[in-house]
């Protein structure tokens, strides 16, 4: 595929449905999603399609949500939650609960609670920006879109720490190129995952980013 220029800007409410759809498609084969939402790809995609809208709305409401566009088509999404907004409040949970329950069968809902609960417990007390979801449409991966979205995220927060989770080993190397290091490697539902942080830096320092790496 020939590379085409893309533009990145904040997403509005009218973009949220497409952002959720993109995330579901881009992350359909994530190992934890297979365990939580089921092995059949089409079933899993439908369930993720019901799961992501509530998450996307929460990030949009509490933090920042950016999108990469090619000729007006959304091809990448980056969510960023500011310090002290990583964990939903009780009100936020009540708003999200119907969609979460509707996204899966009862057994899957238990698995969902185990997964999200484990990552929530590992969220560090140090003030940080919580990154995610970061997703690139399948047809547009390996075009540098994920790298540009990550660079934008790391410019946010005036040197604050940045934190994220992943369940794909291939992503670990990608994030390490942006200065992240692994804090823990929890096994969730017998599936490896990694929680990673890029420490805060003082004014005048420049975080090391290998911009040549194409996500």
N, C-alpha and C. Protein backbone atom coordinates (compact mmCIF):
# COMPACT_ATOMS: atom_id res chain seq x y z
N UNK A 1 0.84 -1.19 0.00
CA UNK A 1 0.00 0.00 0.00
C UNK A 1 0.89 1.25 0.00
N UNK A 2 0.60 2.18 -0.91
CA UNK A 2 1.31 3.45 -0.92
C UNK A 2 0.93 4.24 0.32
N UNK A 3 1.95 4.87 0.91
CA UNK A 3 1.67 5.67 2.09
C UNK A 3 0.96 6.95 1.70
N UNK A 4 -0.05 7.29 2.47
CA UNK A 4 -0.78 8.52 2.24
C UNK A 4 -0.64 9.41 3.47
N UNK A 5 -0.64 10.72 3.26
CA UNK A 5 -0.53 11.62 4.42
C UNK A 5 -1.76 11.49 5.31
N UNK A 6 -1.53 11.62 6.60
CA UNK A 6 -2.66 11.57 7.53
C UNK A 6 -2.57 12.74 8.49
N UNK A 7 -3.72 13.14 8.97
CA UNK A 7 -3.82 14.26 9.91
C UNK A 7 -4.34 13.74 11.23
N UNK A 8 -3.86 14.32 12.33
CA UNK A 8 -4.29 13.92 13.67
C UNK A 8 -4.96 15.09 14.35
N UNK A 9 -6.14 14.85 14.88
CA UNK A 9 -6.82 15.89 15.65
C UNK A 9 -7.76 15.25 16.67
N UNK A 10 -8.25 16.07 17.59
CA UNK A 10 -9.14 15.58 18.64
C UNK A 10 -10.44 15.05 18.05
N UNK A 11 -10.97 14.01 18.66
CA UNK A 11 -12.23 13.44 18.20
C UNK A 11 -13.40 14.10 18.91
N UNK A 12 -14.48 14.32 18.18
CA UNK A 12 -15.70 14.85 18.75
C UNK A 12 -16.71 13.73 18.99
N UNK A 13 -17.84 14.09 19.55
CA UNK A 13 -18.85 13.08 19.85
C UNK A 13 -19.29 12.32 18.61
N UNK A 14 -19.32 13.01 17.48
CA UNK A 14 -19.76 12.35 16.26
C UNK A 14 -18.77 11.30 15.76
N UNK A 15 -17.55 11.32 16.29
CA UNK A 15 -16.53 10.36 15.87
C UNK A 15 -16.48 9.11 16.74
N UNK A 16 -17.18 9.14 17.88
CA UNK A 16 -16.98 8.08 18.87
C UNK A 16 -17.43 6.71 18.40
N UNK A 17 -18.53 6.65 17.68
CA UNK A 17 -19.02 5.36 17.19
C UNK A 17 -17.99 4.71 16.27
N UNK A 18 -17.42 5.50 15.36
CA UNK A 18 -16.44 4.96 14.44
C UNK A 18 -15.15 4.60 15.17
N UNK A 19 -14.78 5.37 16.19
CA UNK A 19 -13.59 5.06 16.98
C UNK A 19 -13.74 3.71 17.69
N UNK A 20 -14.92 3.48 18.27
CA UNK A 20 -15.16 2.20 18.95
C UNK A 20 -15.12 1.04 17.96
N UNK A 21 -15.70 1.23 16.79
CA UNK A 21 -15.69 0.19 15.76
C UNK A 21 -14.27 -0.13 15.32
N UNK A 22 -13.45 0.92 15.15
CA UNK A 22 -12.06 0.72 14.76
C UNK A 22 -11.30 -0.08 15.82
N UNK A 23 -11.48 0.29 17.09
CA UNK A 23 -10.78 -0.42 18.17
C UNK A 23 -11.17 -1.88 18.22
N UNK A 24 -12.45 -2.17 18.03
CA UNK A 24 -12.90 -3.56 18.05
C UNK A 24 -12.24 -4.37 16.94
N UNK A 25 -12.16 -3.79 15.74
CA UNK A 25 -11.55 -4.50 14.62
C UNK A 25 -10.04 -4.66 14.81
N UNK A 26 -9.39 -3.59 15.27
CA UNK A 26 -7.93 -3.62 15.41
C UNK A 26 -7.47 -4.56 16.51
N UNK A 27 -8.29 -4.73 17.55
CA UNK A 27 -7.90 -5.53 18.71
C UNK A 27 -8.66 -6.85 18.81
N UNK A 28 -9.27 -7.27 17.72
CA UNK A 28 -10.08 -8.47 17.76
C UNK A 28 -9.25 -9.71 18.09
N UNK A 29 -7.99 -9.72 17.69
CA UNK A 29 -7.15 -10.89 17.90
C UNK A 29 -6.23 -10.76 19.11
N UNK A 30 -6.44 -9.76 19.95
CA UNK A 30 -5.62 -9.66 21.16
C UNK A 30 -5.85 -10.89 22.04
N UNK A 31 -4.79 -11.47 22.61
CA UNK A 31 -4.94 -12.71 23.37
C UNK A 31 -5.95 -12.62 24.52
N UNK A 32 -5.94 -11.54 25.28
CA UNK A 32 -6.90 -11.44 26.39
C UNK A 32 -8.31 -11.30 25.86
N UNK A 33 -8.50 -10.61 24.76
CA UNK A 33 -9.84 -10.49 24.18
C UNK A 33 -10.36 -11.86 23.75
N UNK A 34 -9.48 -12.71 23.26
CA UNK A 34 -9.90 -14.06 22.89
C UNK A 34 -10.39 -14.81 24.12
N UNK A 35 -9.65 -14.68 25.24
CA UNK A 35 -10.04 -15.36 26.47
C UNK A 35 -11.33 -14.79 27.05
N UNK A 36 -11.50 -13.47 26.99
CA UNK A 36 -12.64 -12.82 27.64
C UNK A 36 -13.90 -12.89 26.78
N UNK A 37 -13.76 -12.64 25.49
CA UNK A 37 -14.94 -12.48 24.63
C UNK A 37 -15.22 -13.68 23.74
N UNK A 38 -14.38 -14.72 23.81
CA UNK A 38 -14.67 -15.95 23.08
C UNK A 38 -13.74 -16.18 21.90
N UNK A 39 -13.57 -17.46 21.54
CA UNK A 39 -12.65 -17.84 20.47
C UNK A 39 -13.15 -17.54 19.06
N UNK A 40 -14.45 -17.74 18.75
CA UNK A 40 -14.90 -17.48 17.37
C UNK A 40 -14.71 -16.01 16.99
N UNK A 41 -13.96 -15.70 15.94
CA UNK A 41 -13.65 -14.30 15.60
C UNK A 41 -14.87 -13.41 15.39
N UNK A 42 -15.88 -13.92 14.69
CA UNK A 42 -17.05 -13.08 14.41
C UNK A 42 -17.84 -12.78 15.68
N UNK A 43 -17.99 -13.79 16.54
CA UNK A 43 -18.67 -13.57 17.82
C UNK A 43 -17.88 -12.56 18.66
N UNK A 44 -16.58 -12.75 18.70
CA UNK A 44 -15.72 -11.86 19.50
C UNK A 44 -15.82 -10.42 18.98
N UNK A 45 -15.84 -10.26 17.68
CA UNK A 45 -15.93 -8.91 17.10
C UNK A 45 -17.24 -8.25 17.49
N UNK A 46 -18.33 -9.01 17.48
CA UNK A 46 -19.62 -8.44 17.88
C UNK A 46 -19.59 -8.01 19.35
N UNK A 47 -19.01 -8.85 20.19
CA UNK A 47 -18.95 -8.52 21.62
C UNK A 47 -18.04 -7.32 21.88
N UNK A 48 -16.91 -7.27 21.20
CA UNK A 48 -16.04 -6.10 21.34
C UNK A 48 -16.73 -4.85 20.82
N UNK A 49 -17.55 -5.03 19.80
CA UNK A 49 -18.31 -3.89 19.28
C UNK A 49 -19.30 -3.33 20.29
N UNK A 50 -19.71 -4.15 21.26
CA UNK A 50 -20.59 -3.67 22.33
C UNK A 50 -19.79 -3.19 23.54
N UNK A 51 -18.55 -3.68 23.67
CA UNK A 51 -17.71 -3.30 24.81
C UNK A 51 -17.05 -1.94 24.62
N UNK A 52 -16.50 -1.69 23.45
CA UNK A 52 -15.68 -0.49 23.27
C UNK A 52 -16.43 0.84 23.31
N UNK A 53 -17.70 0.94 22.89
CA UNK A 53 -18.34 2.24 22.94
C UNK A 53 -18.35 2.88 24.33
N UNK A 54 -18.61 2.10 25.38
CA UNK A 54 -18.63 2.67 26.72
C UNK A 54 -17.24 3.12 27.15
N UNK A 55 -16.22 2.35 26.78
CA UNK A 55 -14.85 2.73 27.12
C UNK A 55 -14.44 4.00 26.38
N UNK A 56 -14.77 4.07 25.11
CA UNK A 56 -14.42 5.25 24.31
C UNK A 56 -15.13 6.48 24.84
N UNK A 57 -16.39 6.35 25.20
CA UNK A 57 -17.12 7.50 25.75
C UNK A 57 -16.49 7.96 27.06
N UNK A 58 -16.06 7.01 27.91
CA UNK A 58 -15.43 7.37 29.18
C UNK A 58 -14.14 8.15 28.94
N UNK A 59 -13.29 7.66 28.05
CA UNK A 59 -12.03 8.34 27.77
C UNK A 59 -12.30 9.73 27.20
N UNK A 60 -13.27 9.82 26.32
CA UNK A 60 -13.62 11.13 25.73
C UNK A 60 -14.12 12.09 26.79
N UNK A 61 -14.87 11.58 27.74
CA UNK A 61 -15.47 12.43 28.79
C UNK A 61 -14.44 12.86 29.83
N UNK A 62 -13.52 11.96 30.19
CA UNK A 62 -12.60 12.20 31.29
C UNK A 62 -11.21 12.63 30.85
N UNK A 63 -10.87 12.40 29.60
CA UNK A 63 -9.51 12.69 29.16
C UNK A 63 -9.46 13.27 27.77
N UNK A 64 -8.58 12.72 26.96
CA UNK A 64 -8.40 13.18 25.59
C UNK A 64 -8.47 11.98 24.65
N UNK A 65 -9.08 12.20 23.50
CA UNK A 65 -9.20 11.15 22.50
C UNK A 65 -8.84 11.76 21.15
N UNK A 66 -7.80 11.22 20.55
CA UNK A 66 -7.32 11.75 19.27
C UNK A 66 -7.47 10.70 18.19
N UNK A 67 -7.62 11.17 16.97
CA UNK A 67 -7.75 10.26 15.85
C UNK A 67 -6.84 10.66 14.71
N UNK A 68 -6.39 9.67 13.95
CA UNK A 68 -5.63 9.89 12.73
C UNK A 68 -6.58 9.66 11.55
N UNK A 69 -6.56 10.58 10.61
CA UNK A 69 -7.48 10.53 9.47
C UNK A 69 -6.70 10.55 8.16
N UNK A 70 -7.13 9.73 7.23
CA UNK A 70 -6.62 9.74 5.87
C UNK A 70 -7.77 10.07 4.95
N UNK A 71 -7.70 11.22 4.31
CA UNK A 71 -8.75 11.67 3.40
C UNK A 71 -10.13 11.58 4.06
N UNK A 72 -10.18 12.00 5.32
CA UNK A 72 -11.45 12.05 6.04
C UNK A 72 -11.87 10.75 6.69
N UNK A 73 -11.13 9.68 6.50
CA UNK A 73 -11.46 8.39 7.09
C UNK A 73 -10.62 8.16 8.34
N UNK A 74 -11.27 7.78 9.44
CA UNK A 74 -10.56 7.50 10.68
C UNK A 74 -9.77 6.20 10.55
N UNK A 75 -8.45 6.28 10.80
CA UNK A 75 -7.60 5.10 10.65
C UNK A 75 -6.80 4.79 11.92
N UNK A 76 -6.87 5.66 12.93
CA UNK A 76 -6.13 5.42 14.16
C UNK A 76 -6.76 6.15 15.32
N UNK A 77 -6.61 5.58 16.52
CA UNK A 77 -7.21 6.16 17.73
C UNK A 77 -6.20 6.10 18.86
N UNK A 78 -6.12 7.18 19.63
CA UNK A 78 -5.30 7.21 20.84
C UNK A 78 -6.08 7.86 21.96
N UNK A 79 -6.23 7.15 23.08
CA UNK A 79 -6.88 7.69 24.26
C UNK A 79 -5.86 8.03 25.33
N UNK A 80 -6.13 9.09 26.10
CA UNK A 80 -5.22 9.54 27.16
C UNK A 80 -6.05 10.02 28.34
N UNK A 81 -5.85 9.39 29.48
CA UNK A 81 -6.51 9.82 30.71
C UNK A 81 -5.50 10.55 31.58
N UNK A 82 -5.83 11.75 32.06
CA UNK A 82 -4.88 12.52 32.87
C UNK A 82 -4.72 11.95 34.26
N UNK A 83 -3.71 12.40 35.00
CA UNK A 83 -3.51 11.92 36.36
C UNK A 83 -4.79 12.02 37.20
N UNK A 84 -5.02 10.99 38.02
CA UNK A 84 -6.15 10.89 38.93
C UNK A 84 -7.48 10.59 38.24
N UNK A 85 -7.44 10.28 36.95
CA UNK A 85 -8.65 9.92 36.23
C UNK A 85 -8.55 8.54 35.60
N UNK A 86 -7.55 7.75 36.02
CA UNK A 86 -7.39 6.42 35.44
C UNK A 86 -8.54 5.49 35.81
N UNK A 87 -8.94 5.56 37.08
CA UNK A 87 -9.94 4.63 37.57
C UNK A 87 -11.31 5.29 37.60
N UNK A 88 -12.31 4.65 37.01
CA UNK A 88 -13.65 5.25 36.99
C UNK A 88 -14.21 5.42 38.40
N UNK A 89 -14.95 6.50 38.60
CA UNK A 89 -15.66 6.70 39.86
C UNK A 89 -16.88 5.78 39.90
N UNK A 90 -17.56 5.76 41.03
CA UNK A 90 -18.77 4.93 41.14
C UNK A 90 -19.80 5.39 40.12
N UNK A 91 -19.94 6.69 39.96
CA UNK A 91 -20.88 7.21 38.96
C UNK A 91 -20.50 6.75 37.56
N UNK A 92 -19.20 6.81 37.26
CA UNK A 92 -18.74 6.37 35.94
C UNK A 92 -19.04 4.88 35.74
N UNK A 93 -18.80 4.08 36.77
CA UNK A 93 -19.04 2.64 36.67
C UNK A 93 -20.52 2.35 36.43
N UNK A 94 -21.38 3.09 37.11
CA UNK A 94 -22.82 2.88 36.93
C UNK A 94 -23.24 3.23 35.50
N UNK A 95 -22.60 4.25 34.92
CA UNK A 95 -22.90 4.61 33.54
C UNK A 95 -22.42 3.54 32.56
N UNK A 96 -21.29 2.94 32.88
CA UNK A 96 -20.69 1.96 31.98
C UNK A 96 -21.26 0.56 32.15
N UNK A 97 -21.81 0.27 33.32
CA UNK A 97 -22.19 -1.10 33.65
C UNK A 97 -23.15 -1.75 32.66
N UNK A 98 -24.24 -1.08 32.25
CA UNK A 98 -25.15 -1.75 31.31
C UNK A 98 -24.46 -2.21 30.03
N UNK A 99 -23.59 -1.37 29.49
CA UNK A 99 -22.89 -1.76 28.26
C UNK A 99 -21.92 -2.90 28.51
N UNK A 100 -21.24 -2.88 29.66
CA UNK A 100 -20.31 -3.96 29.98
C UNK A 100 -21.03 -5.29 30.14
N UNK A 101 -22.17 -5.26 30.82
CA UNK A 101 -22.94 -6.48 31.01
C UNK A 101 -23.51 -7.00 29.69
N UNK A 102 -23.85 -6.08 28.81
CA UNK A 102 -24.44 -6.45 27.52
C UNK A 102 -23.40 -6.94 26.52
N UNK A 103 -22.12 -6.73 26.85
CA UNK A 103 -21.07 -7.07 25.88
C UNK A 103 -20.71 -8.55 25.89
N UNK A 104 -21.22 -9.31 26.87
CA UNK A 104 -20.75 -10.69 26.99
C UNK A 104 -21.81 -11.54 27.68
N UNK A 105 -21.58 -12.85 27.71
CA UNK A 105 -22.45 -13.74 28.48
C UNK A 105 -21.99 -13.72 29.94
N UNK A 106 -22.74 -14.34 30.87
CA UNK A 106 -22.36 -14.26 32.29
C UNK A 106 -20.94 -14.73 32.59
N UNK A 107 -20.53 -15.85 32.01
CA UNK A 107 -19.17 -16.34 32.25
C UNK A 107 -18.13 -15.37 31.71
N UNK A 108 -18.43 -14.80 30.55
CA UNK A 108 -17.52 -13.82 29.97
C UNK A 108 -17.44 -12.56 30.80
N UNK A 109 -18.57 -12.19 31.43
CA UNK A 109 -18.56 -11.01 32.29
C UNK A 109 -17.66 -11.22 33.50
N UNK A 110 -17.64 -12.43 34.03
CA UNK A 110 -16.73 -12.74 35.13
C UNK A 110 -15.28 -12.63 34.67
N UNK A 111 -15.00 -13.17 33.49
CA UNK A 111 -13.64 -13.05 32.95
C UNK A 111 -13.27 -11.59 32.72
N UNK A 112 -14.22 -10.80 32.24
CA UNK A 112 -13.99 -9.37 32.03
C UNK A 112 -13.63 -8.68 33.33
N UNK A 113 -14.35 -9.01 34.41
CA UNK A 113 -14.08 -8.41 35.71
C UNK A 113 -12.70 -8.79 36.22
N UNK A 114 -12.30 -10.04 36.01
CA UNK A 114 -10.96 -10.48 36.43
C UNK A 114 -9.89 -9.71 35.67
N UNK A 115 -10.07 -9.60 34.38
CA UNK A 115 -9.09 -8.89 33.54
C UNK A 115 -8.96 -7.41 33.95
N UNK A 116 -10.07 -6.70 33.92
CA UNK A 116 -10.02 -5.27 34.23
C UNK A 116 -9.64 -5.02 35.68
N UNK A 117 -10.10 -5.90 36.58
CA UNK A 117 -9.76 -5.73 37.99
C UNK A 117 -8.27 -5.91 38.25
N UNK A 118 -7.64 -6.86 37.54
CA UNK A 118 -6.20 -7.08 37.71
C UNK A 118 -5.42 -5.87 37.24
N UNK A 119 -5.74 -5.36 36.08
CA UNK A 119 -5.03 -4.18 35.58
C UNK A 119 -5.28 -2.96 36.47
N UNK A 120 -6.50 -2.84 37.00
CA UNK A 120 -6.79 -1.70 37.88
C UNK A 120 -5.95 -1.75 39.15
N UNK A 121 -5.78 -2.96 39.72
CA UNK A 121 -4.99 -3.10 40.95
C UNK A 121 -3.52 -2.78 40.71
N UNK A 122 -3.04 -2.99 39.51
CA UNK A 122 -1.64 -2.74 39.20
C UNK A 122 -1.36 -1.29 38.84
N UNK A 123 -2.40 -0.51 38.63
CA UNK A 123 -2.23 0.89 38.26
C UNK A 123 -1.44 1.60 39.37
N UNK A 124 -0.28 2.18 39.07
CA UNK A 124 0.60 2.71 40.11
C UNK A 124 0.05 3.99 40.74
N UNK A 125 0.40 4.25 42.02
CA UNK A 125 -0.05 5.46 42.70
C UNK A 125 0.64 6.72 42.21
N UNK A 126 1.79 6.58 41.57
CA UNK A 126 2.52 7.73 41.05
C UNK A 126 1.66 8.46 40.01
N UNK A 127 1.55 9.79 40.10
CA UNK A 127 0.76 10.52 39.09
C UNK A 127 1.25 10.22 37.68
N UNK A 128 0.32 9.93 36.79
CA UNK A 128 0.71 9.57 35.43
C UNK A 128 -0.46 9.76 34.48
N UNK A 129 -0.11 9.88 33.21
CA UNK A 129 -1.10 9.81 32.14
C UNK A 129 -1.26 8.34 31.76
N UNK A 130 -2.51 7.90 31.70
CA UNK A 130 -2.80 6.51 31.36
C UNK A 130 -3.18 6.47 29.88
N UNK A 131 -2.36 5.79 29.08
CA UNK A 131 -2.56 5.76 27.64
C UNK A 131 -3.38 4.55 27.22
N UNK A 132 -4.25 4.76 26.26
CA UNK A 132 -5.04 3.67 25.71
C UNK A 132 -6.52 4.02 25.65
N UNK A 133 -7.21 3.41 24.72
CA UNK A 133 -6.67 2.46 23.74
C UNK A 133 -5.85 3.16 22.66
N UNK A 134 -4.85 2.45 22.17
CA UNK A 134 -4.09 2.86 20.99
C UNK A 134 -4.36 1.80 19.93
N UNK A 135 -4.96 2.22 18.84
CA UNK A 135 -5.35 1.25 17.81
C UNK A 135 -5.20 1.86 16.43
N UNK A 136 -4.76 1.06 15.49
CA UNK A 136 -4.69 1.44 14.08
C UNK A 136 -5.53 0.47 13.28
N UNK A 137 -6.34 0.97 12.38
CA UNK A 137 -7.17 0.11 11.55
C UNK A 137 -6.30 -0.95 10.87
N UNK A 138 -6.76 -2.20 10.82
CA UNK A 138 -5.92 -3.28 10.28
C UNK A 138 -5.30 -2.97 8.92
N UNK A 139 -6.05 -2.34 8.03
CA UNK A 139 -5.53 -2.06 6.69
C UNK A 139 -4.47 -0.96 6.68
N UNK A 140 -4.34 -0.25 7.81
CA UNK A 140 -3.41 0.89 7.85
C UNK A 140 -2.27 0.68 8.83
N UNK A 141 -2.10 -0.52 9.33
CA UNK A 141 -1.00 -0.77 10.25
C UNK A 141 0.34 -0.79 9.49
N UNK A 142 1.42 -0.50 10.24
CA UNK A 142 2.78 -0.45 9.69
C UNK A 142 2.95 0.71 8.70
N UNK A 143 2.19 1.77 8.93
CA UNK A 143 2.31 2.98 8.10
C UNK A 143 2.81 4.17 8.91
N UNK A 144 3.20 3.96 10.17
CA UNK A 144 3.68 5.04 11.01
C UNK A 144 2.61 5.76 11.79
N UNK A 145 1.36 5.32 11.67
CA UNK A 145 0.25 6.02 12.33
C UNK A 145 0.34 5.84 13.84
N UNK A 146 0.57 4.61 14.31
CA UNK A 146 0.69 4.39 15.74
C UNK A 146 1.84 5.16 16.34
N UNK A 147 2.96 5.26 15.63
CA UNK A 147 4.10 6.02 16.13
C UNK A 147 3.77 7.49 16.30
N UNK A 148 3.07 8.06 15.32
CA UNK A 148 2.71 9.47 15.41
C UNK A 148 1.72 9.72 16.54
N UNK A 149 0.79 8.82 16.73
CA UNK A 149 -0.15 8.97 17.84
C UNK A 149 0.57 8.88 19.19
N UNK A 150 1.54 7.98 19.28
CA UNK A 150 2.31 7.86 20.52
C UNK A 150 3.14 9.10 20.77
N UNK A 151 3.77 9.64 19.75
CA UNK A 151 4.54 10.87 19.93
C UNK A 151 3.66 12.00 20.43
N UNK A 152 2.45 12.10 19.89
CA UNK A 152 1.52 13.12 20.37
C UNK A 152 1.20 12.90 21.83
N UNK A 153 0.96 11.67 22.23
CA UNK A 153 0.61 11.38 23.62
C UNK A 153 1.74 11.75 24.56
N UNK A 154 2.98 11.49 24.15
CA UNK A 154 4.10 11.75 25.03
C UNK A 154 4.43 13.23 25.15
N UNK A 155 3.89 14.03 24.25
CA UNK A 155 4.05 15.48 24.38
C UNK A 155 3.04 16.07 25.35
N UNK A 156 2.07 15.26 25.75
CA UNK A 156 1.02 15.72 26.65
C UNK A 156 1.45 15.49 28.10
N UNK A 157 1.21 16.47 28.95
CA UNK A 157 1.46 16.27 30.37
C UNK A 157 2.68 16.96 30.92
N UNK A 158 3.38 17.75 30.10
CA UNK A 158 4.51 18.56 30.58
C UNK A 158 5.52 17.73 31.36
N UNK A 159 5.90 16.59 30.83
CA UNK A 159 6.93 15.78 31.47
C UNK A 159 6.41 14.79 32.48
N UNK A 160 5.09 14.65 32.64
CA UNK A 160 4.54 13.67 33.57
C UNK A 160 4.90 12.25 33.12
N UNK A 161 4.77 11.31 34.04
CA UNK A 161 4.93 9.90 33.70
C UNK A 161 3.77 9.44 32.81
N UNK A 162 4.04 8.43 32.00
CA UNK A 162 3.02 7.83 31.14
C UNK A 162 3.00 6.33 31.40
N UNK A 163 1.79 5.76 31.41
CA UNK A 163 1.59 4.38 31.82
C UNK A 163 0.63 3.70 30.84
N UNK A 164 0.82 2.40 30.63
CA UNK A 164 -0.07 1.66 29.73
C UNK A 164 0.01 0.17 30.04
N UNK A 165 -0.93 -0.57 29.45
CA UNK A 165 -0.94 -2.02 29.55
C UNK A 165 -1.03 -2.62 28.14
N UNK A 166 -0.52 -3.83 27.99
CA UNK A 166 -0.66 -4.54 26.73
C UNK A 166 -0.67 -6.04 26.99
N UNK A 167 -1.28 -6.77 26.10
CA UNK A 167 -1.27 -8.23 26.20
C UNK A 167 -0.60 -8.85 24.97
N UNK A 168 0.15 -8.04 24.22
CA UNK A 168 0.84 -8.55 23.04
C UNK A 168 2.34 -8.28 23.17
N UNK A 169 3.12 -9.35 23.12
CA UNK A 169 4.56 -9.21 23.26
C UNK A 169 5.15 -8.30 22.19
N UNK A 170 4.60 -8.33 20.99
CA UNK A 170 5.10 -7.47 19.91
C UNK A 170 4.96 -6.00 20.26
N UNK A 171 3.96 -5.65 21.07
CA UNK A 171 3.79 -4.26 21.47
C UNK A 171 4.84 -3.82 22.48
N UNK A 172 5.38 -4.77 23.25
CA UNK A 172 6.35 -4.41 24.28
C UNK A 172 7.57 -3.74 23.64
N UNK A 173 8.09 -4.32 22.57
CA UNK A 173 9.23 -3.74 21.88
C UNK A 173 8.90 -2.37 21.30
N UNK A 174 7.69 -2.23 20.78
CA UNK A 174 7.26 -0.93 20.24
C UNK A 174 7.30 0.14 21.33
N UNK A 175 6.71 -0.16 22.49
CA UNK A 175 6.67 0.83 23.56
C UNK A 175 8.05 1.08 24.15
N UNK A 176 8.90 0.08 24.18
CA UNK A 176 10.25 0.28 24.69
C UNK A 176 11.02 1.29 23.84
N UNK A 177 10.72 1.35 22.58
CA UNK A 177 11.39 2.31 21.70
C UNK A 177 11.00 3.75 22.04
N UNK A 178 9.94 3.92 22.78
CA UNK A 178 9.51 5.25 23.21
C UNK A 178 9.89 5.53 24.66
N UNK A 179 10.71 4.69 25.24
CA UNK A 179 11.21 4.93 26.59
C UNK A 179 10.44 4.25 27.69
N UNK A 180 9.48 3.39 27.36
CA UNK A 180 8.74 2.66 28.39
C UNK A 180 9.55 1.45 28.86
N UNK A 181 9.34 1.08 30.10
CA UNK A 181 9.93 -0.15 30.64
C UNK A 181 8.85 -0.95 31.35
N UNK A 182 9.06 -2.25 31.44
CA UNK A 182 8.07 -3.15 32.03
C UNK A 182 8.11 -3.04 33.55
N UNK A 183 6.94 -2.77 34.16
CA UNK A 183 6.83 -2.75 35.61
C UNK A 183 6.45 -4.12 36.17
N UNK A 184 5.60 -4.84 35.46
CA UNK A 184 5.13 -6.14 35.93
C UNK A 184 4.64 -6.94 34.73
N UNK A 185 4.62 -8.26 34.90
CA UNK A 185 4.15 -9.15 33.85
C UNK A 185 3.09 -10.10 34.42
N UNK A 186 1.91 -9.59 34.71
CA UNK A 186 0.87 -10.45 35.28
C UNK A 186 0.32 -11.44 34.27
N UNK A 187 0.00 -12.63 34.74
CA UNK A 187 -0.71 -13.60 33.91
C UNK A 187 -2.19 -13.47 34.27
N UNK A 188 -3.00 -13.15 33.28
CA UNK A 188 -4.43 -12.94 33.49
C UNK A 188 -5.19 -13.97 32.67
N UNK A 189 -5.98 -14.79 33.34
CA UNK A 189 -6.71 -15.86 32.66
C UNK A 189 -5.73 -16.73 31.86
N UNK A 190 -4.58 -17.02 32.49
CA UNK A 190 -3.52 -17.83 31.89
C UNK A 190 -2.96 -17.20 30.62
N UNK A 191 -3.06 -15.87 30.54
CA UNK A 191 -2.57 -15.13 29.37
C UNK A 191 -1.56 -14.09 29.84
N UNK A 192 -0.35 -14.06 29.27
CA UNK A 192 0.64 -13.07 29.68
C UNK A 192 0.19 -11.65 29.32
N UNK A 193 0.53 -10.71 30.18
CA UNK A 193 0.33 -9.30 29.87
C UNK A 193 1.47 -8.51 30.48
N UNK A 194 1.58 -7.27 30.08
CA UNK A 194 2.67 -6.41 30.52
C UNK A 194 2.11 -5.04 30.88
N UNK A 195 2.53 -4.52 32.03
CA UNK A 195 2.22 -3.13 32.37
C UNK A 195 3.52 -2.36 32.32
N UNK A 196 3.48 -1.18 31.70
CA UNK A 196 4.70 -0.46 31.37
C UNK A 196 4.57 1.02 31.73
N UNK A 197 5.69 1.63 32.06
CA UNK A 197 5.69 3.06 32.40
C UNK A 197 6.89 3.75 31.79
N UNK A 198 6.67 4.95 31.36
CA UNK A 198 7.74 5.88 30.97
C UNK A 198 7.81 6.92 32.06
N UNK A 199 8.93 7.01 32.77
CA UNK A 199 8.99 7.92 33.93
C UNK A 199 8.89 9.38 33.53
N UNK A 200 8.53 10.20 34.50
CA UNK A 200 8.48 11.64 34.29
C UNK A 200 9.88 12.16 34.02
N UNK A 201 9.97 13.23 33.26
CA UNK A 201 11.26 13.86 33.03
C UNK A 201 11.15 15.35 33.36
N UNK A 202 12.25 15.92 33.76
CA UNK A 202 12.26 17.32 34.16
C UNK A 202 12.32 18.21 32.94
N UNK A 203 11.91 19.46 33.11
CA UNK A 203 11.95 20.41 32.00
C UNK A 203 13.38 20.57 31.51
N UNK A 204 13.53 20.58 30.22
CA UNK A 204 14.86 20.68 29.63
C UNK A 204 15.37 19.35 29.13
N UNK A 205 14.83 18.26 29.67
CA UNK A 205 15.19 16.94 29.18
C UNK A 205 14.34 16.60 27.96
N UNK A 206 14.86 15.76 27.12
CA UNK A 206 14.13 15.31 25.94
C UNK A 206 13.97 13.81 26.01
N UNK A 207 12.74 13.31 26.05
CA UNK A 207 12.56 11.86 26.09
C UNK A 207 13.09 11.21 24.83
N UNK A 208 13.67 10.04 25.01
CA UNK A 208 14.23 9.34 23.85
C UNK A 208 13.11 8.64 23.09
N UNK A 209 12.96 9.02 21.84
CA UNK A 209 11.94 8.43 20.97
C UNK A 209 12.60 8.07 19.64
N UNK A 210 12.46 6.83 19.24
CA UNK A 210 12.94 6.41 17.94
C UNK A 210 11.81 6.59 16.94
N UNK A 211 11.73 7.78 16.39
CA UNK A 211 10.61 8.10 15.49
C UNK A 211 10.68 7.33 14.19
N UNK A 212 11.83 6.73 13.90
CA UNK A 212 11.95 5.98 12.66
C UNK A 212 11.21 4.66 12.72
N UNK A 213 10.89 4.21 13.95
CA UNK A 213 10.16 2.95 14.09
C UNK A 213 8.72 3.16 13.64
N UNK A 214 8.26 2.34 12.75
CA UNK A 214 6.93 2.52 12.17
C UNK A 214 5.97 1.51 12.77
N UNK A 215 4.88 1.99 13.42
CA UNK A 215 3.91 1.09 14.02
C UNK A 215 2.82 0.77 13.02
